[in-house]
Amino acid sequence: MPTASAPDPDDVMGTVMVVDGANVVGSRPDGWWKDRAGAARRLHEELLVADLPHDQLVLVLEGGAKAGVRAGRDVHVRTVHAPRDGDSEVVAQVQAATAAGHVVTVVTADQFLRARVEGLGARAMSPSWLLDQL
C-alpha cells in the first residue's frame, strides 16, 4: 500500500499572485533603467518581507533583470526567468495556477496582458496597488 507524502505547496488550492516584474519595476521612476538587475533584486526583497494576502507569489523576470535574482523559490516567492518575453511567461503561470484550481491575481499595467489574463479567469491589479502594499 502506497504511503501518503506531504502535498506539494503548488498543488494545494489557494491564492497566487503573479507579478510582471518588468512592468512593476518600470512603474517607478527611480533610475531602474540604469540597473535592471538591481531593480529586480530590490523588488524581490520587498516581496519577501511583504505581508500580502496571497499564499504564493510568482515573480516573472525577463531580459537583464534575470541577473538580479536567481530562478527558484525563496520562502513564499518563486522567481521565474522568462525564456522569451515576460508576457508569455505571465500567461503560462496563470494558466498553470488556474488549472490547479488557484485563485490568481496578476500585477501589471499592460492593458493587453490584463485582458489576456482576465480572459483566463485571473484578476488584474495595477503596479501602484502592489507598491502601496509593500
N, C-alpha and C. Protein backbone atom coordinates (compact mmCIF):
# COMPACT_ATOMS: atom_id res chain seq x y z
N MET A 1 0.84 -1.17 0.00
CA MET A 1 0.00 0.00 0.00
C MET A 1 0.88 1.24 0.00
N PRO A 2 0.63 2.20 -0.94
CA PRO A 2 1.47 3.39 -1.01
C PRO A 2 1.29 4.27 0.22
N THR A 3 2.38 4.91 0.61
CA THR A 3 2.29 5.82 1.74
C THR A 3 2.00 7.23 1.23
N ALA A 4 1.29 7.98 2.04
CA ALA A 4 0.96 9.35 1.67
C ALA A 4 2.18 10.23 1.87
N SER A 5 2.41 11.13 0.92
CA SER A 5 3.52 12.08 1.06
C SER A 5 2.95 13.46 1.30
N ALA A 6 3.80 14.33 1.80
CA ALA A 6 3.37 15.71 2.04
C ALA A 6 2.97 16.33 0.72
N PRO A 7 1.90 17.11 0.71
CA PRO A 7 1.47 17.72 -0.54
C PRO A 7 2.47 18.78 -1.02
N ASP A 8 2.60 18.86 -2.31
CA ASP A 8 3.41 19.91 -2.91
C ASP A 8 2.65 21.22 -2.71
N PRO A 9 3.32 22.28 -2.20
CA PRO A 9 2.61 23.55 -1.96
C PRO A 9 1.93 24.08 -3.22
N ASP A 10 2.48 23.77 -4.40
CA ASP A 10 1.87 24.25 -5.63
C ASP A 10 0.59 23.47 -5.97
N ASP A 11 0.36 22.33 -5.32
CA ASP A 11 -0.82 21.53 -5.59
C ASP A 11 -1.97 21.83 -4.64
N VAL A 12 -1.74 22.59 -3.60
CA VAL A 12 -2.77 22.93 -2.63
C VAL A 12 -3.51 24.17 -3.13
N MET A 13 -4.84 24.06 -3.23
CA MET A 13 -5.60 25.19 -3.72
C MET A 13 -5.41 26.40 -2.80
N GLY A 14 -5.22 27.54 -3.39
CA GLY A 14 -5.03 28.75 -2.61
C GLY A 14 -5.02 29.96 -3.52
N THR A 15 -4.38 31.01 -3.04
CA THR A 15 -4.30 32.24 -3.81
C THR A 15 -2.88 32.45 -4.30
N VAL A 16 -2.78 32.85 -5.55
CA VAL A 16 -1.48 33.06 -6.18
C VAL A 16 -1.45 34.46 -6.78
N MET A 17 -0.37 35.18 -6.53
CA MET A 17 -0.15 36.47 -7.17
C MET A 17 1.02 36.32 -8.15
N VAL A 18 0.77 36.64 -9.41
CA VAL A 18 1.81 36.62 -10.43
C VAL A 18 2.19 38.07 -10.71
N VAL A 19 3.47 38.39 -10.52
CA VAL A 19 3.95 39.76 -10.66
C VAL A 19 4.76 39.90 -11.95
N ASP A 20 4.31 40.79 -12.81
CA ASP A 20 5.03 41.14 -14.03
C ASP A 20 6.17 42.06 -13.60
N GLY A 21 7.33 41.46 -13.33
CA GLY A 21 8.43 42.20 -12.74
C GLY A 21 8.85 43.43 -13.52
N ALA A 22 8.99 43.30 -14.83
CA ALA A 22 9.42 44.44 -15.65
C ALA A 22 8.42 45.58 -15.56
N ASN A 23 7.16 45.23 -15.55
CA ASN A 23 6.12 46.24 -15.51
C ASN A 23 6.07 46.96 -14.17
N VAL A 24 6.22 46.22 -13.09
CA VAL A 24 6.20 46.83 -11.75
C VAL A 24 7.45 47.69 -11.55
N VAL A 25 8.61 47.16 -11.90
CA VAL A 25 9.85 47.92 -11.77
C VAL A 25 9.77 49.18 -12.62
N GLY A 26 9.24 49.06 -13.83
CA GLY A 26 9.15 50.18 -14.74
C GLY A 26 8.17 51.26 -14.32
N SER A 27 7.33 50.96 -13.35
CA SER A 27 6.35 51.95 -12.90
C SER A 27 6.94 52.96 -11.91
N ARG A 28 8.15 52.71 -11.45
CA ARG A 28 8.81 53.62 -10.50
C ARG A 28 9.93 54.36 -11.22
N PRO A 29 9.86 55.67 -11.27
CA PRO A 29 10.93 56.43 -11.94
C PRO A 29 12.13 56.63 -11.01
N ASP A 30 12.79 55.52 -10.67
CA ASP A 30 13.90 55.59 -9.72
C ASP A 30 15.25 55.25 -10.35
N GLY A 31 15.33 55.34 -11.67
CA GLY A 31 16.59 55.03 -12.35
C GLY A 31 16.77 53.55 -12.64
N TRP A 32 15.70 52.77 -12.57
CA TRP A 32 15.78 51.32 -12.78
C TRP A 32 16.44 50.97 -14.11
N TRP A 33 16.30 51.80 -15.12
CA TRP A 33 16.83 51.50 -16.44
C TRP A 33 18.35 51.48 -16.46
N LYS A 34 18.98 52.05 -15.44
CA LYS A 34 20.44 52.03 -15.35
C LYS A 34 20.95 50.73 -14.74
N ASP A 35 20.08 50.04 -14.01
CA ASP A 35 20.47 48.81 -13.31
C ASP A 35 19.25 47.90 -13.18
N ARG A 36 18.89 47.25 -14.28
CA ARG A 36 17.69 46.39 -14.29
C ARG A 36 17.81 45.24 -13.29
N ALA A 37 19.00 44.66 -13.20
CA ALA A 37 19.20 43.54 -12.26
C ALA A 37 19.02 44.02 -10.82
N GLY A 38 19.59 45.17 -10.49
CA GLY A 38 19.44 45.71 -9.14
C GLY A 38 18.01 46.06 -8.81
N ALA A 39 17.28 46.59 -9.78
CA ALA A 39 15.87 46.92 -9.57
C ALA A 39 15.05 45.66 -9.32
N ALA A 40 15.34 44.59 -10.06
CA ALA A 40 14.65 43.32 -9.86
C ALA A 40 14.96 42.75 -8.48
N ARG A 41 16.21 42.85 -8.07
CA ARG A 41 16.62 42.36 -6.75
C ARG A 41 15.89 43.12 -5.63
N ARG A 42 15.77 44.44 -5.76
CA ARG A 42 15.06 45.24 -4.76
C ARG A 42 13.58 44.86 -4.69
N LEU A 43 12.94 44.65 -5.84
CA LEU A 43 11.54 44.23 -5.85
C LEU A 43 11.40 42.87 -5.18
N HIS A 44 12.29 41.95 -5.50
CA HIS A 44 12.26 40.61 -4.90
C HIS A 44 12.39 40.71 -3.38
N GLU A 45 13.31 41.52 -2.91
CA GLU A 45 13.50 41.69 -1.46
C GLU A 45 12.25 42.26 -0.80
N GLU A 46 11.60 43.20 -1.47
CA GLU A 46 10.36 43.77 -0.93
C GLU A 46 9.25 42.72 -0.87
N LEU A 47 9.17 41.88 -1.89
CA LEU A 47 8.15 40.83 -1.90
C LEU A 47 8.40 39.81 -0.79
N LEU A 48 9.66 39.53 -0.50
CA LEU A 48 9.99 38.55 0.54
C LEU A 48 9.48 38.98 1.91
N VAL A 49 9.49 40.27 2.20
CA VAL A 49 9.09 40.73 3.53
C VAL A 49 7.68 41.32 3.56
N ALA A 50 7.03 41.38 2.42
CA ALA A 50 5.68 41.97 2.35
C ALA A 50 4.65 41.05 3.00
N ASP A 51 3.66 41.66 3.60
CA ASP A 51 2.55 40.92 4.19
C ASP A 51 1.37 41.02 3.23
N LEU A 52 1.40 40.16 2.21
CA LEU A 52 0.37 40.18 1.17
C LEU A 52 -0.62 39.05 1.39
N PRO A 53 -1.87 39.26 1.02
CA PRO A 53 -2.90 38.25 1.26
C PRO A 53 -2.93 37.14 0.21
N HIS A 54 -1.78 36.58 -0.10
CA HIS A 54 -1.69 35.50 -1.09
C HIS A 54 -0.81 34.39 -0.53
N ASP A 55 -1.17 33.16 -0.86
CA ASP A 55 -0.40 32.01 -0.39
C ASP A 55 0.93 31.89 -1.12
N GLN A 56 0.93 32.26 -2.40
CA GLN A 56 2.13 32.14 -3.21
C GLN A 56 2.32 33.41 -4.02
N LEU A 57 3.58 33.79 -4.19
CA LEU A 57 3.92 34.91 -5.06
C LEU A 57 4.85 34.38 -6.15
N VAL A 58 4.56 34.75 -7.39
CA VAL A 58 5.40 34.36 -8.51
C VAL A 58 5.91 35.64 -9.17
N LEU A 59 7.21 35.83 -9.16
CA LEU A 59 7.83 36.99 -9.77
C LEU A 59 8.41 36.58 -11.12
N VAL A 60 7.88 37.15 -12.19
CA VAL A 60 8.35 36.83 -13.54
C VAL A 60 9.33 37.91 -13.98
N LEU A 61 10.55 37.47 -14.32
CA LEU A 61 11.61 38.38 -14.77
C LEU A 61 12.02 38.03 -16.19
N GLU A 62 12.43 39.07 -16.91
CA GLU A 62 12.87 38.89 -18.29
C GLU A 62 14.11 39.73 -18.55
N GLY A 63 14.80 39.44 -19.63
CA GLY A 63 15.94 40.24 -20.05
C GLY A 63 17.00 40.40 -18.98
N GLY A 64 17.57 41.61 -18.91
CA GLY A 64 18.65 41.90 -17.97
C GLY A 64 18.26 41.77 -16.51
N ALA A 65 16.97 41.88 -16.22
CA ALA A 65 16.51 41.76 -14.82
C ALA A 65 16.78 40.37 -14.26
N LYS A 66 16.87 39.36 -15.12
CA LYS A 66 17.08 37.98 -14.64
C LYS A 66 18.41 37.84 -13.89
N ALA A 67 19.37 38.69 -14.18
CA ALA A 67 20.67 38.61 -13.50
C ALA A 67 20.58 39.03 -12.04
N GLY A 68 19.49 39.70 -11.66
CA GLY A 68 19.37 40.21 -10.29
C GLY A 68 18.85 39.21 -9.28
N VAL A 69 18.12 38.19 -9.73
CA VAL A 69 17.52 37.21 -8.83
C VAL A 69 17.59 35.85 -9.50
N ARG A 70 18.10 34.87 -8.78
CA ARG A 70 18.16 33.53 -9.35
C ARG A 70 16.75 32.95 -9.47
N ALA A 71 16.55 32.10 -10.45
CA ALA A 71 15.27 31.41 -10.59
C ALA A 71 15.13 30.41 -9.47
N GLY A 72 13.92 30.25 -8.97
CA GLY A 72 13.65 29.28 -7.91
C GLY A 72 12.85 29.89 -6.79
N ARG A 73 12.69 29.13 -5.72
CA ARG A 73 11.85 29.55 -4.61
C ARG A 73 12.69 30.07 -3.45
N ASP A 74 12.27 31.21 -2.93
CA ASP A 74 12.81 31.79 -1.70
C ASP A 74 11.62 32.00 -0.77
N VAL A 75 11.50 31.19 0.24
CA VAL A 75 10.38 31.23 1.18
C VAL A 75 9.09 31.12 0.38
N HIS A 76 8.29 32.18 0.32
CA HIS A 76 7.00 32.11 -0.37
C HIS A 76 7.01 32.79 -1.74
N VAL A 77 8.19 33.22 -2.20
CA VAL A 77 8.31 33.87 -3.51
C VAL A 77 9.04 32.93 -4.46
N ARG A 78 8.39 32.63 -5.57
CA ARG A 78 9.02 31.82 -6.62
C ARG A 78 9.36 32.74 -7.78
N THR A 79 10.63 32.79 -8.13
CA THR A 79 11.08 33.62 -9.24
C THR A 79 11.22 32.75 -10.48
N VAL A 80 10.63 33.25 -11.58
CA VAL A 80 10.66 32.53 -12.85
C VAL A 80 11.35 33.43 -13.87
N HIS A 81 12.32 32.85 -14.59
CA HIS A 81 13.00 33.58 -15.66
C HIS A 81 12.29 33.25 -16.97
N ALA A 82 11.74 34.27 -17.60
CA ALA A 82 11.03 34.08 -18.86
C ALA A 82 12.02 33.67 -19.95
N PRO A 83 11.76 32.56 -20.64
CA PRO A 83 12.68 32.14 -21.69
C PRO A 83 12.61 33.06 -22.91
N ARG A 84 11.46 33.70 -23.11
CA ARG A 84 11.31 34.65 -24.22
C ARG A 84 10.86 35.98 -23.63
N ASP A 85 9.61 36.30 -23.83
CA ASP A 85 9.09 37.56 -23.30
C ASP A 85 8.34 37.31 -22.00
N GLY A 86 8.31 38.33 -21.17
CA GLY A 86 7.66 38.21 -19.86
C GLY A 86 6.17 37.98 -19.96
N ASP A 87 5.49 38.61 -20.93
CA ASP A 87 4.05 38.45 -21.05
C ASP A 87 3.66 36.99 -21.28
N SER A 88 4.36 36.31 -22.16
CA SER A 88 4.06 34.89 -22.42
C SER A 88 4.25 34.05 -21.17
N GLU A 89 5.27 34.37 -20.39
CA GLU A 89 5.52 33.61 -19.16
C GLU A 89 4.46 33.92 -18.11
N VAL A 90 4.01 35.17 -18.01
CA VAL A 90 2.93 35.51 -17.08
C VAL A 90 1.69 34.70 -17.44
N VAL A 91 1.36 34.66 -18.72
CA VAL A 91 0.19 33.89 -19.17
C VAL A 91 0.36 32.42 -18.84
N ALA A 92 1.54 31.86 -19.07
CA ALA A 92 1.78 30.45 -18.76
C ALA A 92 1.62 30.18 -17.27
N GLN A 93 2.10 31.08 -16.43
CA GLN A 93 1.96 30.92 -14.98
C GLN A 93 0.49 30.99 -14.56
N VAL A 94 -0.27 31.89 -15.17
CA VAL A 94 -1.70 32.00 -14.87
C VAL A 94 -2.42 30.72 -15.30
N GLN A 95 -2.12 30.24 -16.48
CA GLN A 95 -2.76 29.01 -16.96
C GLN A 95 -2.49 27.84 -16.02
N ALA A 96 -1.25 27.69 -15.59
CA ALA A 96 -0.91 26.59 -14.69
C ALA A 96 -1.61 26.73 -13.34
N ALA A 97 -1.63 27.93 -12.80
CA ALA A 97 -2.25 28.15 -11.48
C ALA A 97 -3.76 27.98 -11.53
N THR A 98 -4.41 28.49 -12.56
CA THR A 98 -5.87 28.34 -12.64
C THR A 98 -6.24 26.90 -12.91
N ALA A 99 -5.43 26.20 -13.70
CA ALA A 99 -5.69 24.78 -13.96
C ALA A 99 -5.59 23.96 -12.67
N ALA A 100 -4.74 24.41 -11.74
CA ALA A 100 -4.59 23.72 -10.45
C ALA A 100 -5.67 24.14 -9.46
N GLY A 101 -6.56 25.06 -9.88
CA GLY A 101 -7.65 25.47 -9.02
C GLY A 101 -7.37 26.67 -8.14
N HIS A 102 -6.24 27.33 -8.36
CA HIS A 102 -5.89 28.50 -7.56
C HIS A 102 -6.68 29.74 -8.00
N VAL A 103 -6.89 30.63 -7.08
CA VAL A 103 -7.43 31.96 -7.37
C VAL A 103 -6.22 32.83 -7.67
N VAL A 104 -6.20 33.46 -8.84
CA VAL A 104 -5.00 34.14 -9.32
C VAL A 104 -5.22 35.64 -9.48
N THR A 105 -4.24 36.40 -9.01
CA THR A 105 -4.17 37.84 -9.23
C THR A 105 -2.88 38.12 -9.99
N VAL A 106 -2.98 38.95 -11.01
CA VAL A 106 -1.80 39.35 -11.80
C VAL A 106 -1.59 40.84 -11.59
N VAL A 107 -0.33 41.22 -11.36
CA VAL A 107 0.01 42.63 -11.20
C VAL A 107 0.73 43.08 -12.46
N THR A 108 0.07 43.96 -13.22
CA THR A 108 0.62 44.53 -14.44
C THR A 108 -0.18 45.75 -14.83
N ALA A 109 0.47 46.66 -15.55
CA ALA A 109 -0.24 47.81 -16.09
C ALA A 109 -0.51 47.64 -17.59
N ASP A 110 0.02 46.59 -18.16
CA ASP A 110 -0.11 46.32 -19.58
C ASP A 110 -1.57 45.94 -19.89
N GLN A 111 -2.28 46.79 -20.59
CA GLN A 111 -3.71 46.58 -20.83
C GLN A 111 -3.98 45.32 -21.65
N PHE A 112 -3.14 45.03 -22.64
CA PHE A 112 -3.32 43.83 -23.43
C PHE A 112 -3.12 42.58 -22.57
N LEU A 113 -2.08 42.58 -21.75
CA LEU A 113 -1.83 41.44 -20.86
C LEU A 113 -2.96 41.30 -19.84
N ARG A 114 -3.44 42.42 -19.32
CA ARG A 114 -4.57 42.38 -18.37
C ARG A 114 -5.77 41.68 -19.00
N ALA A 115 -6.08 42.04 -20.23
CA ALA A 115 -7.22 41.42 -20.92
C ALA A 115 -7.00 39.93 -21.12
N ARG A 116 -5.77 39.54 -21.46
CA ARG A 116 -5.47 38.11 -21.66
C ARG A 116 -5.66 37.31 -20.38
N VAL A 117 -5.11 37.82 -19.27
CA VAL A 117 -5.19 37.04 -18.03
C VAL A 117 -6.60 37.07 -17.44
N GLU A 118 -7.31 38.17 -17.62
CA GLU A 118 -8.69 38.21 -17.16
C GLU A 118 -9.54 37.22 -17.94
N GLY A 119 -9.22 37.03 -19.22
CA GLY A 119 -9.90 36.02 -20.04
C GLY A 119 -9.64 34.60 -19.55
N LEU A 120 -8.56 34.42 -18.81
CA LEU A 120 -8.22 33.11 -18.24
C LEU A 120 -8.79 32.93 -16.83
N GLY A 121 -9.46 33.97 -16.34
CA GLY A 121 -10.08 33.88 -15.01
C GLY A 121 -9.31 34.55 -13.90
N ALA A 122 -8.19 35.21 -14.22
CA ALA A 122 -7.41 35.90 -13.19
C ALA A 122 -7.94 37.32 -12.99
N ARG A 123 -7.65 37.86 -11.83
CA ARG A 123 -7.95 39.25 -11.55
C ARG A 123 -6.67 40.04 -11.80
N ALA A 124 -6.79 41.22 -12.40
CA ALA A 124 -5.62 42.05 -12.68
C ALA A 124 -5.62 43.28 -11.79
N MET A 125 -4.45 43.58 -11.23
CA MET A 125 -4.26 44.74 -10.38
C MET A 125 -3.10 45.56 -10.94
N SER A 126 -3.07 46.83 -10.61
CA SER A 126 -2.04 47.72 -11.12
C SER A 126 -0.77 47.65 -10.27
N PRO A 127 0.36 48.03 -10.86
CA PRO A 127 1.59 48.11 -10.07
C PRO A 127 1.45 49.05 -8.87
N SER A 128 0.72 50.14 -9.02
CA SER A 128 0.57 51.07 -7.89
C SER A 128 -0.16 50.41 -6.73
N TRP A 129 -1.09 49.51 -7.03
CA TRP A 129 -1.78 48.76 -5.97
C TRP A 129 -0.76 47.93 -5.19
N LEU A 130 0.10 47.21 -5.92
CA LEU A 130 1.11 46.39 -5.26
C LEU A 130 2.09 47.26 -4.48
N LEU A 131 2.58 48.30 -5.09
CA LEU A 131 3.56 49.15 -4.42
C LEU A 131 2.99 49.78 -3.16
N ASP A 132 1.70 50.07 -3.15
CA ASP A 132 1.07 50.58 -1.93
C ASP A 132 1.07 49.53 -0.81
N GLN A 133 1.10 48.25 -1.18
CA GLN A 133 1.10 47.15 -0.20
C GLN A 133 2.49 46.88 0.36
N LEU A 134 3.51 47.29 -0.39
CA LEU A 134 4.89 46.95 0.01
C LEU A 134 5.43 47.91 1.05
